[in-house]
């Protein structure tokens, strides 16, 4: 992978790029809550959202309202990809569809903004890297912290501050999930097309509305939140593949769900550090400023990075109340991060440069997340076999 990825990455881009004054024409696949938000955000930044695709009629109608005037509706994404006037595609479907839709989009000559996690399996993430580099298209993973100025500052600090050797990164994401969404269809749904690459089964509205909590389509809160946290750890620690991953979970407290809302994964890295990530969504409710934290424990200092702030604590072994020597708190600042990430993507669509969150970054994170899912279900520590490009017990 390393050699192949290097060769593919260095290939010059020859794709047609919209000019500096030419309006980018975009389309969205998956017009649920996140899809509508992204559609409106792209439109706000000047992209003509010319097409909307969804297999559920109410989502399609909502997506069209969020899109540009005259946007064309589609119920089959492959038909939409045949429109040669579309420059870029936003993919905001359930996780199990991300890879194939992204691959089909770049094969059709489109640039892609794909929601996290980038892929639902290790094999699919390799396929995505190879397709993007072979077709020389731009793909941005929706891990918006890469374009968030506060996280960019934090990355610079961890690269330069006297933190010492980091052997442990402890992280968590805490909040309170009351229960699953009420499962009642209110319009036509193409269930077979929605299932796509997943196992075939009878129509189940609970699975459709709450796909996040079923293994066939996602890895639940564990994967959804770790997609951001593990990605940031890789970025800050300059890491790629793990040595091994172990994951454990409590019994699910969400009636009707397969995936627990309370999990913990431990990731071993060849750089000789451990990263621990805990998600607990039966904890008390937290404000967005305080619901997540990454602590980089160095031999000389500890660096805390949250959603909307960071703090550097030098060694103070005799202090009962540790004081940071460097600190920034910006409540409410995370909201514009997605807009900044979209701006970065749009600039790269025009320049043909790599975006802030590349397909390779998404791949390394997808490997860890898939290993965590497999470890949890198997009840075993899994090692990364680079030669075989797979996890082994």
Protein backbone atom coordinates (compact mmCIF):
# COMPACT_ATOMS: atom_id res chain seq x y z
CA UNK A 1 0.00 0.00 0.00
CA UNK A 2 2.70 2.49 0.96
CA UNK A 3 4.63 2.21 -2.31
CA UNK A 4 1.49 2.10 -4.45
CA UNK A 5 -0.10 5.02 -2.63
CA UNK A 6 3.06 7.09 -3.13
CA UNK A 7 3.10 6.45 -6.87
CA UNK A 8 -0.58 7.23 -7.22
CA UNK A 9 -0.34 10.35 -5.10
CA UNK A 10 2.44 11.85 -7.20
CA UNK A 11 0.49 11.54 -10.46
CA UNK A 12 -0.29 14.97 -11.90
CA UNK A 13 -3.96 15.87 -12.08
CA UNK A 14 -5.28 16.34 -15.61
CA UNK A 15 -8.98 16.61 -14.78
CA UNK A 16 -11.02 19.56 -16.00
CA UNK A 17 -11.32 22.17 -13.29
CA UNK A 18 -13.91 24.95 -13.05
CA UNK A 19 -12.27 28.32 -13.61
CA UNK A 20 -11.81 30.87 -10.84
CA UNK A 21 -14.96 32.71 -11.90
CA UNK A 22 -16.89 29.66 -13.06
CA UNK A 23 -19.62 28.43 -10.74
CA UNK A 24 -19.17 24.88 -9.45
CA UNK A 25 -22.16 22.62 -10.12
CA UNK A 26 -22.79 20.16 -7.32
CA UNK A 27 -25.14 17.33 -6.41
CA UNK A 28 -25.97 15.46 -3.23
CA UNK A 29 -26.62 11.75 -2.67
CA UNK A 30 -28.46 11.20 0.58
CA UNK A 31 -30.70 14.09 1.62
CA UNK A 32 -31.44 13.18 5.23
CA UNK A 33 -30.55 15.52 8.09
CA UNK A 34 -26.81 15.76 7.36
CA UNK A 35 -27.36 15.77 3.60
CA UNK A 36 -29.76 18.72 3.77
CA UNK A 37 -27.36 20.63 6.01
CA UNK A 38 -24.46 20.07 3.61
CA UNK A 39 -26.63 20.97 0.62
CA UNK A 40 -27.56 24.28 2.23
CA UNK A 41 -23.93 24.92 3.22
CA UNK A 42 -22.57 24.30 -0.29
CA UNK A 43 -25.31 26.52 -1.70
CA UNK A 44 -24.47 29.26 0.83
CA UNK A 45 -20.87 29.23 -0.42
CA UNK A 46 -21.88 29.71 -4.04
CA UNK A 47 -22.12 26.15 -5.36
CA UNK A 48 -25.07 25.53 -7.67
CA UNK A 49 -26.64 22.43 -6.09
CA UNK A 50 -28.15 21.20 -9.32
CA UNK A 51 -29.29 17.69 -8.37
CA UNK A 52 -30.55 15.76 -5.36
CA UNK A 53 -30.73 11.98 -5.06
CA UNK A 54 -32.49 9.98 -2.34
CA UNK A 55 -34.46 6.73 -2.23
CA UNK A 56 -36.92 8.01 0.40
CA UNK A 57 -39.51 10.44 -0.95
CA UNK A 58 -39.69 12.83 2.08
CA UNK A 59 -35.88 13.14 2.12
CA UNK A 60 -35.83 13.85 -1.61
CA UNK A 61 -38.44 16.58 -1.20
CA UNK A 62 -36.54 18.14 1.71
CA UNK A 63 -33.29 18.02 -0.23
CA UNK A 64 -34.83 19.81 -3.20
CA UNK A 65 -36.03 22.60 -0.90
CA UNK A 66 -32.47 23.03 0.40
CA UNK A 67 -30.91 22.91 -3.10
CA UNK A 68 -30.74 25.54 -5.82
CA UNK A 69 -33.80 26.60 -7.77
CA UNK A 70 -34.54 24.09 -10.50
CA UNK A 71 -32.50 21.26 -8.98
CA UNK A 72 -33.26 17.94 -10.63
CA UNK A 73 -34.53 15.02 -8.49
CA UNK A 74 -33.10 11.51 -8.82
CA UNK A 75 -33.94 8.22 -7.15
CA UNK A 76 -30.99 6.36 -8.68
CA UNK A 77 -27.55 7.86 -8.08
CA UNK A 78 -25.98 6.21 -11.12
CA UNK A 79 -28.39 8.05 -13.39
CA UNK A 80 -27.41 11.29 -11.69
CA UNK A 81 -23.72 10.59 -12.26
CA UNK A 82 -24.37 10.48 -16.01
CA UNK A 83 -24.90 14.26 -15.98
CA UNK A 84 -21.58 15.54 -17.32
CA UNK A 85 -22.29 19.10 -16.17
CA UNK A 86 -21.97 18.12 -12.50
CA UNK A 87 -18.50 18.86 -11.13
CA UNK A 88 -18.74 17.59 -7.56
CA UNK A 89 -20.86 15.15 -5.56
CA UNK A 90 -21.65 15.24 -1.84
CA UNK A 91 -22.23 11.79 -0.30
CA UNK A 92 -24.22 11.83 2.95
CA UNK A 93 -25.79 8.37 2.92
CA UNK A 94 -25.54 5.63 5.56
CA UNK A 95 -21.96 4.43 5.97
CA UNK A 96 -22.32 1.15 4.05
CA UNK A 97 -22.90 3.06 0.78
CA UNK A 98 -20.02 5.58 1.07
CA UNK A 99 -17.33 3.59 -0.70
CA UNK A 100 -19.20 2.35 -3.76
CA UNK A 101 -20.87 5.70 -4.39
CA UNK A 102 -17.55 7.53 -4.08
CA UNK A 103 -15.82 5.09 -6.42
CA UNK A 104 -18.62 5.35 -8.98
CA UNK A 105 -18.52 9.15 -8.71
CA UNK A 106 -14.78 9.50 -9.36
CA UNK A 107 -15.04 6.95 -12.18
CA UNK A 108 -17.70 9.25 -13.67
CA UNK A 109 -15.30 12.21 -13.50
CA UNK A 110 -16.74 13.88 -10.38
CA UNK A 111 -14.91 15.24 -7.36
CA UNK A 112 -16.30 14.00 -4.05
CA UNK A 113 -17.05 15.30 -0.57
CA UNK A 114 -17.88 12.17 1.44
CA UNK A 115 -19.13 12.09 5.00
CA UNK A 116 -17.19 10.21 7.66
CA UNK A 117 -16.40 7.40 8.16
CA UNK A 118 -15.03 7.17 4.66
CA UNK A 119 -15.64 3.41 4.35
CA UNK A 120 -17.38 0.62 6.23
CA UNK A 121 -14.78 -2.08 5.50
CA UNK A 122 -11.00 -2.21 5.15
CA UNK A 123 -11.25 -3.59 1.62
CA UNK A 124 -13.53 -0.75 0.56
CA UNK A 125 -11.14 1.88 1.95
CA UNK A 126 -8.28 0.43 -0.11
CA UNK A 127 -10.52 0.48 -3.18
CA UNK A 128 -11.33 4.14 -2.56
CA UNK A 129 -7.66 5.16 -2.33
CA UNK A 130 -6.84 3.34 -5.54
CA UNK A 131 -9.84 4.75 -7.45
CA UNK A 132 -9.23 8.35 -6.37
CA UNK A 133 -5.54 8.29 -7.26
CA UNK A 134 -6.07 6.42 -10.53
CA UNK A 135 -8.77 8.83 -11.71
CA UNK A 136 -6.91 11.88 -10.31
CA UNK A 137 -10.03 13.27 -8.71
CA UNK A 138 -10.33 15.34 -5.54
CA UNK A 139 -11.88 13.58 -2.54
CA UNK A 140 -12.45 15.35 0.77
CA UNK A 141 -13.47 13.31 3.83
CA UNK A 142 -15.95 15.17 6.06
CA UNK A 143 -13.59 15.37 9.05
CA UNK A 144 -13.86 19.14 9.31
CA UNK A 145 -11.34 19.59 12.12
CA UNK A 146 -8.64 19.60 9.42
CA UNK A 147 -10.01 22.97 8.27
CA UNK A 148 -10.82 24.35 11.74
CA UNK A 149 -8.38 27.11 12.69
CA UNK A 150 -8.33 26.15 16.37
CA UNK A 151 -7.28 22.58 15.56
CA UNK A 152 -4.71 23.82 13.05
CA UNK A 153 -3.22 25.93 15.86
CA UNK A 154 -3.30 22.93 18.22
CA UNK A 155 -1.45 20.82 15.66
CA UNK A 156 1.27 23.48 15.43
CA UNK A 157 1.56 23.55 19.24
CA UNK A 158 1.93 19.79 19.60
CA UNK A 159 4.60 19.86 16.89
CA UNK A 160 6.67 22.57 18.60
CA UNK A 161 5.90 22.76 22.33
CA UNK A 162 8.16 20.99 24.89
CA UNK A 163 5.71 18.20 25.63
CA UNK A 164 8.28 15.41 25.64
CA UNK A 165 7.67 11.81 24.62
CA UNK A 166 3.99 10.96 24.23
CA UNK A 167 3.19 7.38 25.17
CA UNK A 168 -0.51 7.76 25.95
CA UNK A 169 -3.39 9.61 24.30
CA UNK A 170 -6.60 9.41 26.30
CA UNK A 171 -9.81 10.61 24.68
CA UNK A 172 -13.55 10.46 25.21
CA UNK A 173 -16.91 11.66 23.90
CA UNK A 174 -19.73 11.80 26.43
CA UNK A 175 -23.38 12.72 26.20
CA UNK A 176 -26.85 11.25 26.64
CA UNK A 177 -28.90 9.41 24.02
CA UNK A 178 -32.52 8.95 25.14
CA UNK A 179 -33.54 6.33 22.60
CA UNK A 180 -33.94 5.45 18.95
CA UNK A 181 -35.95 7.44 16.46
CA UNK A 182 -39.61 6.57 15.97
CA UNK A 183 -39.78 4.28 12.95
CA UNK A 184 -42.75 5.33 10.80
CA UNK A 185 -42.52 5.64 7.04
CA UNK A 186 -44.27 8.73 5.66
CA UNK A 187 -43.63 8.25 1.97
CA UNK A 188 -42.27 5.92 -0.69
CA UNK A 189 -38.98 4.13 0.06
CA UNK A 190 -36.93 2.04 -2.38
CA UNK A 191 -35.81 -0.46 0.26
CA UNK A 192 -33.81 -2.69 -2.09
CA UNK A 193 -31.78 0.22 -3.38
CA UNK A 194 -31.26 1.52 0.16
CA UNK A 195 -29.86 -1.85 1.27
CA UNK A 196 -27.47 -1.89 -1.69
CA UNK A 197 -24.30 -3.78 -0.72
CA UNK A 198 -25.71 -4.81 2.69
CA UNK A 199 -27.36 -8.15 3.45
CA UNK A 200 -30.82 -8.54 1.93
CA UNK A 201 -33.78 -8.62 4.34
CA UNK A 202 -37.43 -7.70 4.59
CA UNK A 203 -38.39 -4.04 4.91
CA UNK A 204 -37.67 -2.86 8.44
CA UNK A 205 -38.49 0.81 9.19
CA UNK A 206 -36.52 0.62 12.44
CA UNK A 207 -33.36 -0.27 10.53
CA UNK A 208 -34.03 2.44 7.96
CA UNK A 209 -34.51 5.27 10.46
CA UNK A 210 -31.95 3.99 12.98
CA UNK A 211 -29.33 2.52 10.65
CA UNK A 212 -26.60 4.10 12.79
CA UNK A 213 -27.15 1.36 15.40
CA UNK A 214 -26.96 -1.72 13.16
CA UNK A 215 -23.73 -3.46 12.16
CA UNK A 216 -24.73 -3.94 8.51
CA UNK A 217 -24.77 -0.19 7.93
CA UNK A 218 -22.57 1.44 10.58
CA UNK A 219 -20.61 1.03 13.79
CA UNK A 220 -22.83 3.25 15.88
CA UNK A 221 -21.68 6.10 18.07
CA UNK A 222 -18.39 4.28 18.60
CA UNK A 223 -17.47 4.63 14.92
CA UNK A 224 -19.34 7.85 14.19
CA UNK A 225 -17.55 9.81 16.92
CA UNK A 226 -14.22 7.97 16.71
CA UNK A 227 -14.10 8.90 13.02
CA UNK A 228 -13.35 12.44 14.20
CA UNK A 229 -11.25 11.61 17.26
CA UNK A 230 -9.02 8.89 15.79
CA UNK A 231 -8.53 11.01 12.67
CA UNK A 232 -7.33 13.92 14.83
CA UNK A 233 -5.00 11.65 16.82
CA UNK A 234 -3.47 10.35 13.57
CA UNK A 235 -3.03 13.92 12.36
CA UNK A 236 -1.45 15.21 15.56
CA UNK A 237 0.77 12.13 16.07
CA UNK A 238 1.69 11.65 12.39
CA UNK A 239 0.40 8.06 12.54
CA UNK A 240 -0.94 5.75 9.87
CA UNK A 241 -1.61 2.05 10.47
CA UNK A 242 -1.95 0.60 13.99
CA UNK A 243 -0.13 -2.36 15.44
CA UNK A 244 -3.30 -3.73 17.02
CA UNK A 245 -6.79 -2.73 18.18
CA UNK A 246 -8.88 -4.02 21.08
CA UNK A 247 -12.47 -2.96 21.73
CA UNK A 248 -14.97 -3.66 24.50
CA UNK A 249 -18.54 -2.52 25.11
CA UNK A 250 -21.26 -2.51 27.70
CA UNK A 251 -24.67 -4.00 27.00
CA UNK A 252 -26.73 -1.68 24.81
CA UNK A 253 -29.24 0.44 26.69
CA UNK A 254 -31.06 1.57 23.54
CA UNK A 255 -34.05 -0.68 22.91
CA UNK A 256 -33.94 -2.13 19.40
CA UNK A 257 -30.25 -1.37 18.73
CA UNK A 258 -27.46 -3.84 17.93
CA UNK A 259 -24.51 -1.52 18.63
CA UNK A 260 -23.89 -0.36 22.18
CA UNK A 261 -23.80 3.33 23.04
CA UNK A 262 -21.02 2.71 25.62
CA UNK A 263 -17.73 1.42 24.22
CA UNK A 264 -13.97 1.69 24.67
CA UNK A 265 -11.22 1.00 22.15
CA UNK A 266 -7.48 0.75 22.74
CA UNK A 267 -5.21 1.30 19.74
CA UNK A 268 -1.53 0.33 19.74
CA UNK A 269 0.73 2.23 17.34
CA UNK A 270 4.21 1.47 15.97
CA UNK A 271 5.35 4.89 17.24
CA UNK A 272 5.16 3.27 20.72
CA UNK A 273 2.09 4.90 22.16
CA UNK A 274 -1.43 3.84 23.10
CA UNK A 275 -4.56 5.73 22.13
CA UNK A 276 -7.67 5.05 24.19
CA UNK A 277 -11.08 6.29 23.06
CA UNK A 278 -14.23 5.95 25.14
CA UNK A 279 -17.72 6.85 24.00
CA UNK A 280 -20.48 6.98 26.57
CA UNK A 281 -23.92 8.12 25.46
CA UNK A 282 -25.73 7.19 28.66
CA UNK A 283 -23.73 9.75 30.60
CA UNK A 284 -25.23 13.07 31.69
CA UNK A 285 -25.88 15.74 29.08
CA UNK A 286 -22.95 18.00 28.20
CA UNK A 287 -22.68 21.29 26.38
CA UNK A 288 -20.88 20.95 23.03
CA UNK A 289 -17.90 22.83 24.49
CA UNK A 290 -17.27 20.07 27.05
CA UNK A 291 -18.54 16.82 25.53
CA UNK A 292 -15.24 15.59 24.10
CA UNK A 293 -11.55 15.77 24.93
CA UNK A 294 -8.22 14.43 23.72
CA UNK A 295 -5.36 14.40 26.26
CA UNK A 296 -1.85 13.96 24.92
CA UNK A 297 0.21 12.83 27.92
CA UNK A 298 3.86 13.75 27.36
CA UNK A 299 6.84 13.17 29.65
CA UNK A 300 7.16 16.93 30.19
CA UNK A 301 3.62 18.26 29.70
CA UNK A 302 0.01 17.35 28.97
CA UNK A 303 -1.83 18.88 26.05
CA UNK A 304 -5.65 18.88 26.14
CA UNK A 305 -7.61 19.49 22.93
CA UNK A 306 -11.40 19.77 23.06
CA UNK A 307 -14.00 20.72 20.51
CA UNK A 308 -13.65 24.46 21.17
CA UNK A 309 -10.44 24.94 23.11
CA UNK A 310 -7.00 23.68 24.09
CA UNK A 311 -4.69 23.93 27.09
CA UNK A 312 -1.04 23.06 27.75
CA UNK A 313 -0.16 21.89 31.27
CA UNK A 314 3.58 21.59 32.04
CA UNK A 315 4.72 19.20 34.74
CA UNK A 316 3.58 20.44 38.16
CA UNK A 317 4.11 17.41 40.38
CA UNK A 318 3.63 19.31 43.65
CA UNK A 319 0.58 21.35 42.56
CA UNK A 320 -2.89 20.48 43.83
CA UNK A 321 -4.51 22.69 41.19
CA UNK A 322 -2.63 22.56 37.88
CA UNK A 323 -2.55 25.76 35.84
CA UNK A 324 -2.07 25.85 32.06
CA UNK A 325 0.74 27.96 30.64
CA UNK A 326 -1.05 28.20 27.30
CA UNK A 327 -4.80 28.14 26.90
CA UNK A 328 -7.52 29.12 24.44
CA UNK A 329 -11.28 28.76 24.94
CA UNK A 330 -13.67 29.71 22.13
CA UNK A 331 -17.21 28.56 22.96
CA UNK A 332 -19.39 28.46 19.87
CA UNK A 333 -16.47 28.53 17.44
CA UNK A 334 -16.85 25.00 16.05
CA UNK A 335 -19.98 25.74 14.03
CA UNK A 336 -18.21 27.38 11.06
CA UNK A 337 -15.70 24.50 10.76
CA UNK A 338 -17.85 22.68 8.21
CA UNK A 339 -18.06 25.81 6.04
CA UNK A 340 -14.27 26.16 6.20
CA UNK A 341 -13.93 22.51 5.17
CA UNK A 342 -16.24 23.03 2.20
CA UNK A 343 -14.27 26.14 1.17
CA UNK A 344 -11.10 24.05 1.21
CA UNK A 345 -12.77 21.41 -0.95
CA UNK A 346 -14.03 24.02 -3.45
CA UNK A 347 -10.58 25.56 -3.71
CA UNK A 348 -9.10 22.13 -4.44
CA UNK A 349 -11.75 21.37 -7.06
CA UNK A 350 -10.40 24.43 -8.90
CA UNK A 351 -6.68 24.01 -8.15
CA UNK A 352 -6.54 20.16 -8.36
CA UNK A 353 -4.46 20.12 -5.17
CA UNK A 354 -5.02 17.60 -2.38
CA UNK A 355 -7.63 18.75 0.16
CA UNK A 356 -7.17 19.07 3.92
CA UNK A 357 -8.65 15.61 4.67
CA UNK A 358 -7.29 13.31 1.98
CA UNK A 359 -8.46 9.88 0.95
CA UNK A 360 -5.36 8.38 2.58
CA UNK A 361 -6.21 10.01 5.92
CA UNK A 362 -9.70 8.59 5.68
CA UNK A 363 -8.26 5.20 4.83
CA UNK A 364 -5.98 4.98 7.87
CA UNK A 365 -8.86 5.95 10.14
CA UNK A 366 -11.21 3.46 8.45
CA UNK A 367 -8.71 0.66 9.07
CA UNK A 368 -8.70 1.41 12.82
CA UNK A 369 -12.49 1.77 13.03
CA UNK A 370 -13.13 -1.46 11.14
CA UNK A 371 -10.65 -3.30 13.37
CA UNK A 372 -12.46 -1.91 16.43
CA UNK A 373 -15.83 -3.16 15.13
CA UNK A 374 -14.39 -6.60 14.33
CA UNK A 375 -12.55 -6.79 17.67
CA UNK A 376 -15.73 -6.01 19.59
CA UNK A 377 -17.78 -8.64 17.78
CA UNK A 378 -15.04 -11.28 17.97
CA UNK A 379 -14.05 -10.53 21.56
CA UNK A 380 -10.37 -10.55 20.55
CA UNK A 381 -7.37 -8.25 20.15
CA UNK A 382 -6.73 -7.88 16.42
CA UNK A 383 -3.33 -7.18 14.83
CA UNK A 384 -2.73 -5.33 11.57
CA UNK A 385 -1.10 -7.53 8.91
CA UNK A 386 0.35 -5.06 6.41
CA UNK A 387 1.38 -7.71 3.89
CA UNK A 388 -2.09 -9.25 3.80
CA UNK A 389 -3.80 -5.85 4.08
CA UNK A 390 -6.15 -7.15 6.77
CA UNK A 391 -6.64 -7.61 10.52
CA UNK A 392 -5.75 -10.96 12.08
CA UNK A 393 -6.28 -12.42 15.54
